[in-house]
Amino acid sequence: MSSGSFSFAIDAECSDTWARAGTIHTPHGTVRTPIFMPIGTQATVKSVSPEELRAAGTQIILANTYHLMLRPGSELVASLGGLHSFMHWDGPILTDSGGFQVFSLGHLRKLSEEGAAFKSHLDGSSHVLTPENVMHIEAELGADIVLPLDICAAYPCSFLEAKESMERTHRWAERALIAKEEYRAEQALFGIVQGAFDAELRRESAHFVGSLPFPGLSIGGLSVGEPKQLMWEMLHEVTLALPREKPRHLLGVGSPEDFVVGVGLGMDMFDCALPTRVARHGGLFTPYGRVNIKSARFRTERGPIEDGCDCYTCQNYSAAYVHHLARAEEQLYFRLGTIHNIRFMLRLAGQLRETIIAGTYAAFRDDFIARYQPAPEKIREEQRVKWKAARTRIV
């Protein structure tokens, strides 16, 4: 699939699943898929520098339109050369629409056919996002891939709510395509598939959005509190209805086990704040599951966090030292823990790509899932509660 400065090619496909390895070309570089995108909400991936991101294998990052329009403002970013220059990152960037953040504001926002009116979580000032001004804002930010304004329906919601949100998202998508023509031709605008948790709506949305002249597609409205099995069922319905030749981006999904399973369901690109967020709280990834570096068992551990890990942290520091930093809440810990989790995810992305090309993805997936122990549901729920509480203060 090619559109101006953007192109996507499928390099290999798994014969037993929908997994595929691809190559995306953007104005700021090439992305090999499957790929995980670290979250740089406010034009920074918390606690790490662009140079450290590169060293960890980062190919593309995601920045947040909602936050950047409020602070420092897209006009200022544009005056300083756009996001790439502003944040000293010369690789590809994807900006979301800000729709999910507005959705998360709850009582502070109001939806209409025009767009989403909301009050800033920073100072209470009033703003409106429309399909048209989102395209203007994202043009000023200057990312390589941009997303249109959409509506993420809550879980659970009624069929009527899901249908109305989906249909409005479709109308906004058509408006965004028209508005996009006034701005940067080199930016690739991805369409967003919605439909909540109704299989018929998901198929309808995938057919509709997939038929529009978007060079790529994002799947939204999943991983919003629903059981994982339901998420996979919906994704299965979506992938069946999507055009093969366009890259597929699964919004907001990125735990290691979800990454591995999602690739087999036909997804190419993933983004999620979870790897960096849990790192800051002591949760570090290993091939056998997440460990809590603050646990007493690491107090005297001379070896690295993960045997064989090639990240900067494991190559240079003992688990005992990282444990000490985390327990003492030293700022260096946030950097070292984040680097480890980002490298884990990107090394995993490379392994997934290699196995797809080699024809061994299914065996790799089964072995990984059998070995990797996800965080207990109780801990996951506690984290969700904390995360939702935090979002009422900092979206």
Protein backbone atom coordinates (compact mmCIF):
# COMPACT_ATOMS: atom_id res chain seq x y z
CA MET A 1 0.00 0.00 0.00
CA SER A 2 1.54 3.33 -1.08
CA SER A 3 0.33 6.89 -0.55
CA GLY A 4 2.73 9.76 -1.22
CA SER A 5 5.69 9.49 1.13
CA PHE A 6 4.11 6.53 2.96
CA SER A 7 4.19 2.90 1.86
CA PHE A 8 3.64 -0.54 3.33
CA ALA A 9 4.77 -3.89 1.99
CA ILE A 10 4.18 -7.37 3.40
CA ASP A 11 7.49 -9.26 3.57
CA ALA A 12 6.25 -12.58 4.94
CA GLU A 13 3.07 -14.21 6.24
CA CYS A 14 2.44 -17.09 8.60
CA SER A 15 0.63 -20.01 6.96
CA ASP A 16 -1.07 -21.08 10.20
CA THR A 17 -2.18 -17.69 11.58
CA TRP A 18 -2.72 -14.12 10.39
CA ALA A 19 0.73 -13.01 11.57
CA ARG A 20 2.74 -11.07 9.03
CA ALA A 21 6.05 -9.21 8.82
CA GLY A 22 6.04 -5.95 6.92
CA THR A 23 7.99 -2.81 6.06
CA ILE A 24 6.60 0.71 6.45
CA HIS A 25 8.33 3.65 4.78
CA THR A 26 7.71 7.14 6.20
CA PRO A 27 9.31 10.56 5.62
CA HIS A 28 11.45 10.04 8.73
CA GLY A 29 12.53 6.48 8.23
CA THR A 30 11.60 2.83 7.87
CA VAL A 31 9.67 0.71 10.36
CA ARG A 32 9.89 -3.08 10.36
CA THR A 33 6.78 -4.79 11.66
CA PRO A 34 5.53 -6.24 13.93
CA ILE A 35 6.53 -3.27 16.07
CA PHE A 36 5.87 -1.84 19.51
CA MET A 37 5.68 1.95 19.83
CA PRO A 38 6.73 3.50 23.17
CA ILE A 39 4.40 6.27 24.36
CA GLY A 40 5.82 9.79 24.34
CA THR A 41 2.71 11.49 25.68
CA GLN A 42 4.08 15.01 26.08
CA ALA A 43 6.81 14.81 23.42
CA THR A 44 8.92 12.62 25.68
CA VAL A 45 9.00 9.00 26.75
CA LYS A 46 9.10 9.50 30.50
CA SER A 47 12.62 9.47 32.00
CA VAL A 48 14.56 8.40 28.86
CA SER A 49 16.28 10.39 26.12
CA PRO A 50 15.89 9.95 22.35
CA GLU A 51 19.43 8.56 22.24
CA GLU A 52 18.49 5.91 24.82
CA LEU A 53 15.35 5.07 22.86
CA ARG A 54 17.44 4.53 19.74
CA ALA A 55 19.94 2.37 21.64
CA ALA A 56 17.02 0.23 22.88
CA GLY A 57 15.88 -0.37 19.30
CA THR A 58 12.97 2.06 19.11
CA GLN A 59 11.83 2.64 15.52
CA ILE A 60 8.71 4.78 16.01
CA ILE A 61 7.07 6.54 18.96
CA LEU A 62 3.56 7.77 19.67
CA ALA A 63 2.83 11.29 20.94
CA ASN A 64 -0.45 12.62 22.29
CA THR A 65 -2.37 15.30 20.40
CA TYR A 66 -4.63 16.19 23.35
CA HIS A 67 -1.77 16.91 25.73
CA LEU A 68 0.37 18.74 23.19
CA MET A 69 -2.44 21.01 22.00
CA LEU A 70 -2.99 22.11 25.62
CA ARG A 71 0.68 22.34 26.54
CA PRO A 72 2.82 23.77 24.99
CA GLY A 73 0.40 24.23 22.06
CA SER A 74 0.70 23.01 18.48
CA GLU A 75 1.45 26.52 17.16
CA LEU A 76 4.53 26.77 19.35
CA VAL A 77 5.68 23.29 18.33
CA ALA A 78 5.25 24.27 14.68
CA SER A 79 7.22 27.49 15.19
CA LEU A 80 10.08 25.42 16.62
CA GLY A 81 10.25 23.11 13.64
CA GLY A 82 7.60 20.52 14.47
CA LEU A 83 7.68 17.58 16.86
CA HIS A 84 10.81 15.96 15.41
CA SER A 85 12.91 19.06 15.93
CA PHE A 86 11.18 20.03 19.17
CA MET A 87 11.90 16.72 20.91
CA HIS A 88 15.16 15.88 19.10
CA TRP A 89 13.79 12.66 17.60
CA ASP A 90 14.62 12.06 13.94
CA GLY A 91 12.63 8.85 13.52
CA PRO A 92 8.97 8.28 12.64
CA ILE A 93 6.25 9.61 14.97
CA LEU A 94 2.56 8.76 15.19
CA THR A 95 0.15 11.19 16.86
CA ASP A 96 -3.24 10.05 18.08
CA SER A 97 -6.30 12.27 17.74
CA GLY A 98 -6.82 13.05 21.41
CA GLY A 99 -10.23 11.37 21.20
CA PHE A 100 -9.49 8.75 23.86
CA GLN A 101 -8.24 11.40 26.28
CA VAL A 102 -11.40 13.47 25.76
CA PHE A 103 -13.48 10.31 26.22
CA SER A 104 -11.67 9.73 29.53
CA LEU A 105 -12.68 13.15 30.85
CA GLY A 106 -16.19 11.89 31.54
CA HIS A 107 -18.31 14.74 32.91
CA LEU A 108 -15.82 17.31 31.63
CA ARG A 109 -16.72 16.67 27.98
CA LYS A 110 -19.77 16.81 25.74
CA LEU A 111 -20.11 15.15 22.35
CA SER A 112 -22.08 16.52 19.40
CA GLU A 113 -22.06 16.07 15.64
CA GLU A 114 -19.65 19.00 15.41
CA GLY A 115 -17.06 17.38 17.66
CA ALA A 116 -16.07 17.04 21.30
CA ALA A 117 -16.30 20.01 23.65
CA PHE A 118 -14.31 19.67 26.85
CA LYS A 119 -12.66 21.48 29.72
CA SER A 120 -8.91 21.23 30.13
CA HIS A 121 -7.73 19.07 33.01
CA LEU A 122 -4.96 21.66 33.50
CA ASP A 123 -6.87 24.88 34.05
CA GLY A 124 -10.54 24.25 33.27
CA SER A 125 -10.42 26.26 30.03
CA SER A 126 -12.94 25.32 27.34
CA HIS A 127 -11.90 23.70 24.06
CA VAL A 128 -13.51 21.92 21.11
CA LEU A 129 -11.98 19.19 19.01
CA THR A 130 -13.52 18.62 15.58
CA PRO A 131 -12.45 16.34 12.74
CA GLU A 132 -11.24 19.45 10.92
CA ASN A 133 -9.22 21.17 13.64
CA VAL A 134 -7.62 17.89 14.70
CA MET A 135 -6.18 17.67 11.18
CA HIS A 136 -4.90 21.25 11.56
CA ILE A 137 -3.34 20.54 14.96
CA GLU A 138 -1.68 17.34 13.76
CA ALA A 139 -0.35 19.13 10.67
CA GLU A 140 1.29 21.68 12.97
CA LEU A 141 2.78 18.91 15.10
CA GLY A 142 4.14 17.30 11.94
CA ALA A 143 4.04 13.57 12.76
CA ASP A 144 4.49 10.99 10.01
CA ILE A 145 1.27 9.11 10.83
CA VAL A 146 -1.81 10.87 12.20
CA LEU A 147 -5.17 9.64 13.47
CA PRO A 148 -8.61 11.26 13.04
CA LEU A 149 -11.01 12.20 15.80
CA ASP A 150 -13.08 9.20 16.87
CA ILE A 151 -15.36 8.10 19.69
CA CYS A 152 -14.28 5.32 22.01
CA ALA A 153 -17.45 3.80 23.47
CA ALA A 154 -17.35 2.77 27.12
CA TYR A 155 -17.35 -0.82 28.33
CA PRO A 156 -20.00 -1.96 28.88
CA CYS A 157 -22.43 0.01 26.72
CA SER A 158 -25.71 -0.67 24.97
CA PHE A 159 -25.99 -1.69 21.34
CA LEU A 160 -27.57 1.68 20.54
CA GLU A 161 -24.70 3.58 22.19
CA ALA A 162 -22.15 1.47 20.35
CA LYS A 163 -23.91 1.95 17.00
CA GLU A 164 -24.31 5.71 17.42
CA SER A 165 -20.65 6.12 18.43
CA MET A 166 -19.50 4.00 15.48
CA GLU A 167 -21.62 5.82 12.94
CA ARG A 168 -20.49 9.23 14.17
CA THR A 169 -16.89 8.02 14.06
CA HIS A 170 -17.50 7.04 10.42
CA ARG A 171 -18.92 10.47 9.56
CA TRP A 172 -15.99 12.14 11.30
CA ALA A 173 -13.59 9.93 9.34
CA GLU A 174 -15.04 11.18 6.04
CA ARG A 175 -14.77 14.78 7.24
CA ALA A 176 -11.17 14.21 8.33
CA LEU A 177 -10.25 12.89 4.88
CA ILE A 178 -11.63 16.03 3.26
CA ALA A 179 -9.93 18.34 5.78
CA LYS A 180 -6.62 16.49 5.42
CA GLU A 181 -6.40 17.58 1.76
CA GLU A 182 -5.61 21.13 2.93
CA TYR A 183 -2.56 20.08 4.91
CA ARG A 184 0.65 18.07 4.68
CA ALA A 185 0.51 15.57 1.84
CA GLU A 186 3.42 13.64 3.36
CA GLN A 187 1.43 12.77 6.50
CA ALA A 188 -0.36 9.41 6.41
CA LEU A 189 -3.87 9.53 7.90
CA PHE A 190 -5.00 6.18 9.33
CA GLY A 191 -8.69 5.42 9.72
CA ILE A 192 -10.00 4.10 13.06
CA VAL A 193 -12.28 1.07 13.39
CA GLN A 194 -14.80 1.16 16.25
CA GLY A 195 -17.96 -0.80 17.06
CA ALA A 196 -17.51 -1.48 20.79
CA PHE A 197 -18.15 -5.15 21.64
CA ASP A 198 -20.75 -6.17 19.09
CA ALA A 199 -19.38 -8.49 16.41
CA GLU A 200 -21.75 -7.21 13.72
CA LEU A 201 -20.81 -3.60 14.39
CA ARG A 202 -17.12 -4.43 14.41
CA ARG A 203 -17.39 -6.10 11.01
CA GLU A 204 -19.43 -3.20 9.65
CA SER A 205 -16.90 -0.65 10.87
CA ALA A 206 -13.96 -2.63 9.50
CA HIS A 207 -15.62 -2.87 6.07
CA PHE A 208 -16.58 0.82 6.02
CA VAL A 209 -13.32 2.32 7.27
CA GLY A 210 -11.26 -0.18 5.30
CA SER A 211 -12.99 0.88 2.08
CA LEU A 212 -12.09 4.56 2.54
CA PRO A 213 -8.82 5.91 1.06
CA PHE A 214 -6.81 5.61 4.27
CA PRO A 215 -3.29 4.18 3.74
CA GLY A 216 -3.46 2.44 7.12
CA LEU A 217 -5.97 1.42 9.77
CA SER A 218 -6.07 1.64 13.56
CA ILE A 219 -8.35 -0.51 15.71
CA GLY A 220 -9.72 1.48 18.64
CA GLY A 221 -12.08 0.88 21.53
CA LEU A 222 -10.42 -2.30 22.83
CA SER A 223 -8.55 -2.88 26.09
CA VAL A 224 -10.90 -0.50 27.91
CA GLY A 225 -11.78 -2.83 30.78
CA GLU A 226 -13.32 -5.79 28.96
CA PRO A 227 -12.23 -9.43 29.52
CA LYS A 228 -9.29 -10.37 27.32
CA GLN A 229 -11.17 -13.16 25.61
CA LEU A 230 -13.80 -10.67 24.47
CA MET A 231 -11.10 -8.39 23.12
CA TRP A 232 -9.62 -11.21 21.05
CA GLU A 233 -13.05 -12.20 19.74
CA MET A 234 -13.68 -8.66 18.53
CA LEU A 235 -10.25 -8.42 16.97
CA HIS A 236 -10.88 -11.70 15.14
CA GLU A 237 -14.04 -10.22 13.61
CA VAL A 238 -12.20 -7.04 12.63
CA THR A 239 -9.24 -8.74 10.96
CA LEU A 240 -11.54 -10.90 8.83
CA ALA A 241 -13.07 -7.74 7.37
CA LEU A 242 -9.94 -5.61 6.91
CA PRO A 243 -8.11 -5.16 3.60
CA ARG A 244 -4.91 -7.22 3.56
CA GLU A 245 -2.73 -4.57 1.91
CA LYS A 246 -3.03 -1.88 4.60
CA PRO A 247 -1.02 -1.84 7.86
CA ARG A 248 -3.02 -2.48 11.04
CA HIS A 249 -2.43 -0.66 14.31
CA LEU A 250 -3.96 -1.94 17.55
CA LEU A 251 -4.46 1.08 19.78
CA GLY A 252 -3.53 0.93 23.46
CA VAL A 253 -2.58 -2.76 23.66
CA GLY A 254 0.95 -3.71 24.65
CA SER A 255 1.54 -6.15 27.47
CA PRO A 256 4.01 -8.83 26.33
CA GLU A 257 1.40 -11.59 26.14
CA ASP A 258 -1.07 -9.33 24.30
CA PHE A 259 1.64 -8.31 21.84
CA VAL A 260 2.46 -11.93 20.99
CA VAL A 261 -1.20 -12.98 20.64
CA GLY A 262 -2.21 -9.82 18.76
CA VAL A 263 0.42 -10.41 16.10
CA GLY A 264 -1.16 -13.78 15.37
CA LEU A 265 -4.49 -12.05 14.91
CA GLY A 266 -3.09 -9.93 12.11
CA MET A 267 -1.89 -6.77 13.85
CA ASP A 268 1.28 -4.98 12.75
CA MET A 269 1.69 -2.02 15.12
CA PHE A 270 1.07 -1.73 18.86
CA ASP A 271 1.27 1.09 21.39
CA CYS A 272 0.76 1.11 25.12
CA ALA A 273 1.91 3.00 28.19
CA LEU A 274 1.91 -0.20 30.27
CA PRO A 275 5.59 -1.22 29.82
CA THR A 276 6.88 2.19 30.89
CA ARG A 277 4.20 2.78 33.52
CA VAL A 278 4.70 -0.52 35.35
CA ALA A 279 8.48 -0.05 35.14
CA ARG A 280 8.20 3.17 37.14
CA HIS A 281 6.36 1.22 39.86
CA GLY A 282 8.87 -1.63 40.02
CA GLY A 283 7.38 -4.04 37.48
CA LEU A 284 10.06 -5.36 35.13
CA PHE A 285 9.57 -7.87 32.31
CA THR A 286 11.37 -11.20 31.99
CA PRO A 287 10.70 -14.17 29.66
CA TYR A 288 8.80 -15.81 32.53
CA GLY A 289 6.62 -12.87 33.49
CA ARG A 290 6.78 -9.59 35.33
CA VAL A 291 8.88 -9.36 38.48
CA ASN A 292 8.74 -6.74 41.23
CA ILE A 293 12.28 -5.40 41.51
CA LYS A 294 11.41 -4.04 44.95
CA SER A 295 10.98 -7.60 46.22
CA ALA A 296 13.42 -8.68 48.96
CA ARG A 297 14.75 -11.52 46.80
CA PHE A 298 16.66 -9.00 44.66
CA ARG A 299 18.37 -7.29 47.61
CA THR A 300 21.60 -9.28 47.25
CA GLU A 301 21.30 -10.40 43.61
CA ARG A 302 24.68 -9.90 41.94
CA GLY A 303 23.46 -10.78 38.46
CA PRO A 304 21.25 -8.71 36.12
CA ILE A 305 17.49 -8.38 36.27
CA GLU A 306 17.22 -10.85 33.38
CA ASP A 307 19.94 -13.32 32.43
CA GLY A 308 20.98 -12.81 28.82
CA CYS A 309 19.24 -9.46 28.46
CA ASP A 310 21.13 -7.08 26.16
CA CYS A 311 19.61 -3.85 27.50
CA TYR A 312 21.81 -1.09 28.91
CA THR A 313 20.52 -1.71 32.43
CA CYS A 314 21.23 -5.43 32.53
CA GLN A 315 24.58 -5.00 30.82
CA ASN A 316 25.83 -2.49 33.39
CA TYR A 317 24.01 -2.88 36.71
CA SER A 318 23.22 -5.66 39.16
CA ALA A 319 19.66 -6.43 40.14
CA ALA A 320 20.70 -5.57 43.71
CA TYR A 321 21.62 -2.04 42.67
CA VAL A 322 18.42 -1.54 40.66
CA HIS A 323 16.50 -2.92 43.66
CA HIS A 324 18.20 -0.37 45.91
CA LEU A 325 17.38 2.50 43.54
CA ALA A 326 13.74 1.45 43.30
CA ARG A 327 13.35 1.07 47.07
CA ALA A 328 15.01 4.44 47.64
CA GLU A 329 12.86 6.01 44.89
CA GLU A 330 15.94 7.43 43.24
CA GLN A 331 15.34 9.07 39.85
CA LEU A 332 17.97 6.90 38.18
CA TYR A 333 15.73 3.90 38.80
CA PHE A 334 12.97 5.30 36.57
CA ARG A 335 15.45 5.59 33.70
CA LEU A 336 17.00 2.13 34.19
CA GLY A 337 13.70 0.33 34.71
CA THR A 338 12.09 2.01 31.71
CA ILE A 339 15.03 1.20 29.44
CA HIS A 340 14.81 -2.47 30.44
CA ASN A 341 11.08 -2.80 29.67
CA ILE A 342 11.31 -0.90 26.38
CA ARG A 343 14.21 -3.06 25.25
CA PHE A 344 12.30 -6.19 26.29
CA MET A 345 9.33 -5.20 24.12
CA LEU A 346 11.47 -4.25 21.13
CA ARG A 347 13.59 -7.39 21.36
CA LEU A 348 10.32 -9.34 21.46
CA ALA A 349 9.18 -7.46 18.34
CA GLY A 350 12.36 -8.53 16.57
CA GLN A 351 11.87 -12.15 17.64
CA LEU A 352 8.29 -12.11 16.37
CA ARG A 353 9.41 -10.76 13.01
CA GLU A 354 12.17 -13.37 12.72
CA THR A 355 9.82 -16.24 13.51
CA ILE A 356 7.23 -15.05 10.99
CA ILE A 357 9.87 -14.90 8.27
CA ALA A 358 11.22 -18.30 9.32
CA GLY A 359 7.74 -19.85 9.40
CA THR A 360 7.90 -20.69 13.11
CA TYR A 361 5.65 -17.97 14.60
CA ALA A 362 2.94 -20.34 15.86
CA ALA A 363 5.45 -22.47 17.77
CA PHE A 364 7.09 -19.34 19.19
CA ARG A 365 3.72 -17.99 20.31
CA ASP A 366 2.72 -21.23 22.00
CA ASP A 367 6.07 -21.52 23.78
CA PHE A 368 5.97 -17.90 24.92
CA ILE A 369 2.43 -18.13 26.28
CA ALA A 370 3.22 -21.42 28.08
CA ARG A 371 6.28 -19.85 29.71
CA TYR A 372 5.16 -16.27 30.36
CA GLN A 373 3.12 -15.75 33.53
CA PRO A 374 0.88 -12.68 33.22
CA ALA A 375 0.36 -10.47 36.23
CA PRO A 376 -2.36 -11.88 38.51
CA GLU A 377 -5.81 -10.48 37.78
CA LYS A 378 -6.01 -9.01 41.28
CA ILE A 379 -2.84 -6.98 40.69
CA ARG A 380 -4.02 -5.98 37.21
CA GLU A 381 -7.32 -4.76 38.63
CA GLU A 382 -5.57 -2.79 41.39
CA GLN A 383 -3.38 -1.16 38.75
CA ARG A 384 -6.41 -0.33 36.62
CA VAL A 385 -8.10 1.34 39.59
CA LYS A 386 -4.97 3.38 40.35
CA TRP A 387 -4.58 4.29 36.70
CA LYS A 388 -8.21 5.43 36.38
CA ALA A 389 -7.89 7.48 39.56
CA ALA A 390 -4.75 9.11 38.23
CA ARG A 391 -6.49 9.92 34.95
CA THR A 392 -9.03 12.05 36.78
CA ARG A 393 -6.12 14.28 37.70
CA ILE A 394 -3.80 13.89 34.71
CA VAL A 395 -5.70 12.51 31.74
